[in-house]
Protein backbone atom coordinates (compact mmCIF):
# COMPACT_ATOMS: atom_id res chain seq x y z
CA UNK A 1 84.82 111.32 123.80
CA UNK A 2 87.65 112.35 121.49
CA UNK A 3 90.18 111.31 124.16
CA UNK A 4 88.68 107.83 124.35
CA UNK A 5 88.58 107.49 120.58
CA UNK A 6 92.21 108.62 120.34
CA UNK A 7 93.26 106.12 123.04
CA UNK A 8 91.39 103.36 121.21
CA UNK A 9 93.02 104.19 117.86
CA UNK A 10 96.46 104.74 119.42
CA UNK A 11 96.15 101.31 121.06
CA UNK A 12 95.27 99.69 117.68
CA UNK A 13 98.16 101.33 115.86
CA UNK A 14 100.54 100.74 118.81
CA UNK A 15 99.64 97.05 119.00
CA UNK A 16 100.16 96.66 115.23
CA UNK A 17 103.55 98.36 115.42
CA UNK A 18 104.58 96.27 118.40
CA UNK A 19 103.53 93.03 116.64
CA UNK A 20 105.39 94.22 113.54
CA UNK A 21 108.59 94.84 115.49
CA UNK A 22 108.39 91.49 117.26
CA UNK A 23 107.57 89.25 114.34
CA UNK A 24 107.76 90.82 110.91
CA UNK A 25 111.21 89.39 110.09
CA UNK A 26 109.76 85.89 110.42
CA UNK A 27 107.52 86.61 107.37
CA UNK A 28 110.65 86.72 105.20
CA UNK A 29 111.06 82.93 105.30
CA UNK A 30 109.42 80.09 103.52
CA UNK A 31 106.66 77.89 104.82
CA UNK A 32 103.24 78.07 106.38
CA UNK A 33 104.27 79.90 109.59
CA UNK A 34 106.05 82.60 107.61
CA UNK A 35 103.09 82.98 105.30
CA UNK A 36 100.65 83.16 108.19
CA UNK A 37 102.77 85.65 110.05
CA UNK A 38 103.17 87.78 106.94
CA UNK A 39 99.37 87.84 106.35
CA UNK A 40 98.48 88.64 109.93
CA UNK A 41 101.08 91.34 110.38
CA UNK A 42 100.45 92.90 106.96
CA UNK A 43 96.73 93.05 107.60
CA UNK A 44 97.26 94.42 111.10
CA UNK A 45 99.51 97.19 109.76
CA UNK A 46 97.22 97.84 106.82
CA UNK A 47 94.20 98.28 109.10
CA UNK A 48 96.04 101.17 110.73
CA UNK A 49 95.41 103.18 107.51
CA UNK A 50 91.75 103.63 108.54
CA UNK A 51 92.30 105.48 111.85
CA UNK A 52 95.02 107.56 110.31
CA UNK A 53 92.65 108.43 107.46
CA UNK A 54 89.85 109.30 109.87
CA UNK A 55 92.08 111.40 112.13
CA UNK A 56 93.27 113.20 109.03
CA UNK A 57 89.67 114.04 108.23
CA UNK A 58 89.18 115.42 111.73
CA UNK A 59 92.42 117.47 111.48
CA UNK A 60 91.19 118.97 108.24
CA UNK A 61 87.78 119.78 109.78
CA UNK A 62 89.30 121.35 112.90
CA UNK A 63 91.82 123.32 110.81
CA UNK A 64 88.86 125.18 109.24
CA UNK A 65 86.80 125.41 112.44
CA UNK A 66 84.15 123.05 111.02
CA UNK A 67 81.08 122.06 113.02
CA UNK A 68 81.75 118.54 114.10
CA UNK A 69 80.69 116.18 116.90
CA UNK A 70 82.57 113.23 118.29
CA UNK A 71 81.70 109.65 117.37
CA UNK A 72 79.11 108.22 119.72
CA UNK A 73 80.71 104.81 120.32
CA UNK A 74 84.06 103.19 120.61
CA UNK A 75 82.63 100.40 118.50
CA UNK A 76 82.05 102.67 115.51
CA UNK A 77 84.51 103.29 112.70
CA UNK A 78 84.07 107.01 112.62
CA UNK A 79 85.89 109.42 114.91
CA UNK A 80 83.44 112.29 114.31
CA UNK A 81 80.35 113.41 112.49
CA UNK A 82 80.67 116.35 110.05
CA UNK A 83 77.72 118.68 110.02
CA UNK A 84 76.94 119.12 106.32
CA UNK A 85 74.15 121.62 107.12
CA UNK A 86 76.30 124.04 109.07
CA UNK A 87 79.64 123.78 107.29
CA UNK A 88 80.75 125.47 104.05
CA UNK A 89 81.99 123.88 100.89
CA UNK A 90 85.56 125.02 101.71
CA UNK A 91 85.30 123.32 105.15
CA UNK A 92 83.98 120.12 103.48
CA UNK A 93 86.91 120.10 101.03
CA UNK A 94 89.49 120.72 103.83
CA UNK A 95 87.98 117.99 105.89
CA UNK A 96 88.05 115.64 102.90
CA UNK A 97 91.61 116.45 101.87
CA UNK A 98 92.75 115.89 105.47
CA UNK A 99 91.67 112.28 105.18
CA UNK A 100 93.47 111.99 101.90
CA UNK A 101 96.64 113.26 103.56
CA UNK A 102 96.21 110.50 106.15
CA UNK A 103 95.84 107.91 103.40
CA UNK A 104 98.89 109.25 101.63
CA UNK A 105 100.89 108.95 104.88
CA UNK A 106 99.84 105.28 105.12
CA UNK A 107 100.98 104.70 101.53
CA UNK A 108 104.24 106.48 102.21
CA UNK A 109 104.91 104.26 105.27
CA UNK A 110 104.07 101.12 103.33
CA UNK A 111 106.22 101.98 100.29
CA UNK A 112 108.88 104.17 101.80
CA UNK A 113 109.68 102.64 105.16
CA UNK A 114 108.94 98.96 105.11
CA UNK A 115 111.48 96.38 103.86
CA UNK A 116 110.46 94.97 100.51
CA UNK A 117 111.67 91.42 101.11
CA UNK A 118 108.98 90.60 103.69
CA UNK A 119 105.60 89.11 102.92
CA UNK A 120 104.16 91.24 105.68
CA UNK A 121 105.30 94.31 103.83
CA UNK A 122 103.68 93.19 100.56
CA UNK A 123 100.42 92.50 102.38
CA UNK A 124 100.57 95.93 104.11
CA UNK A 125 101.26 97.56 100.71
CA UNK A 126 98.23 95.74 99.24
CA UNK A 127 96.13 97.07 102.11
CA UNK A 128 97.49 100.64 101.48
CA UNK A 129 96.50 100.34 97.79
CA UNK A 130 93.06 99.07 98.90
CA UNK A 131 92.74 102.20 101.03
CA UNK A 132 93.48 104.40 98.09
CA UNK A 133 90.92 102.51 95.97
CA UNK A 134 88.27 103.03 98.70
CA UNK A 135 89.01 106.77 98.76
CA UNK A 136 88.72 106.98 94.95
CA UNK A 137 85.44 105.03 94.88
CA UNK A 138 83.74 106.59 97.96
CA UNK A 139 85.15 110.07 98.48
CA UNK A 140 86.12 111.44 95.11
CA UNK A 141 82.54 111.25 93.84
CA UNK A 142 81.40 113.26 96.87
CA UNK A 143 84.02 115.93 96.17
CA UNK A 144 83.14 115.97 92.47
CA UNK A 145 79.41 116.37 93.44
CA UNK A 146 80.27 119.24 95.85
CA UNK A 147 82.34 121.02 93.23
CA UNK A 148 79.74 120.47 90.50
CA UNK A 149 76.73 121.56 92.47
CA UNK A 150 78.36 124.03 94.82
CA UNK A 151 76.68 122.25 97.76
CA UNK A 152 77.97 119.78 100.34
CA UNK A 153 76.44 116.38 99.81
CA UNK A 154 74.69 114.97 102.87
CA UNK A 155 77.20 112.70 104.58
CA UNK A 156 75.66 109.50 105.82
CA UNK A 157 77.21 107.58 108.66
CA UNK A 158 76.76 104.00 109.77
CA UNK A 159 74.78 105.08 112.79
CA UNK A 160 72.08 106.57 110.53
CA UNK A 161 71.16 103.13 109.15
CA UNK A 162 69.58 101.76 112.40
CA UNK A 163 67.51 105.01 112.74
CA UNK A 164 66.20 104.65 109.18
CA UNK A 165 65.36 100.97 109.77
CA UNK A 166 63.42 101.85 112.98
CA UNK A 167 61.56 104.63 111.19
CA UNK A 168 60.62 102.22 108.34
CA UNK A 169 59.32 99.58 110.78
């Protein structure tokens, strides 16, 4: 399943890069078409931060031989599931930091490689900053909890929600 997930995410990132190369310069002009192009391309490139972040998490998990299982569906956001019962706190921290490295890479691309004069760049940078905010809001509290309690917090995934709803019905 990892190969399919990698192919999906590589296609998403590849399509965003191809669109960027073909049309980003047109977002440097004035007018509705330039604005629309800048918005679409900036969001497309900004969305690439999520798979980079998720594959960073997996790289961190694999680097410490964590117990993981692949995502169950190509429609899901998550590349893998981290087993919080079988993994150690050190493995949890390595997995978490791997995702942060992925987010840092997305910020570096947005601020270090993209031309500042384009609206598409400014939108992509805004998306990169949003990615950082999401990490701060969702993941830093989990790390703080793990460090405070010495235990890995249970990591909920989106696929757990339908199971809970079925059990409650």
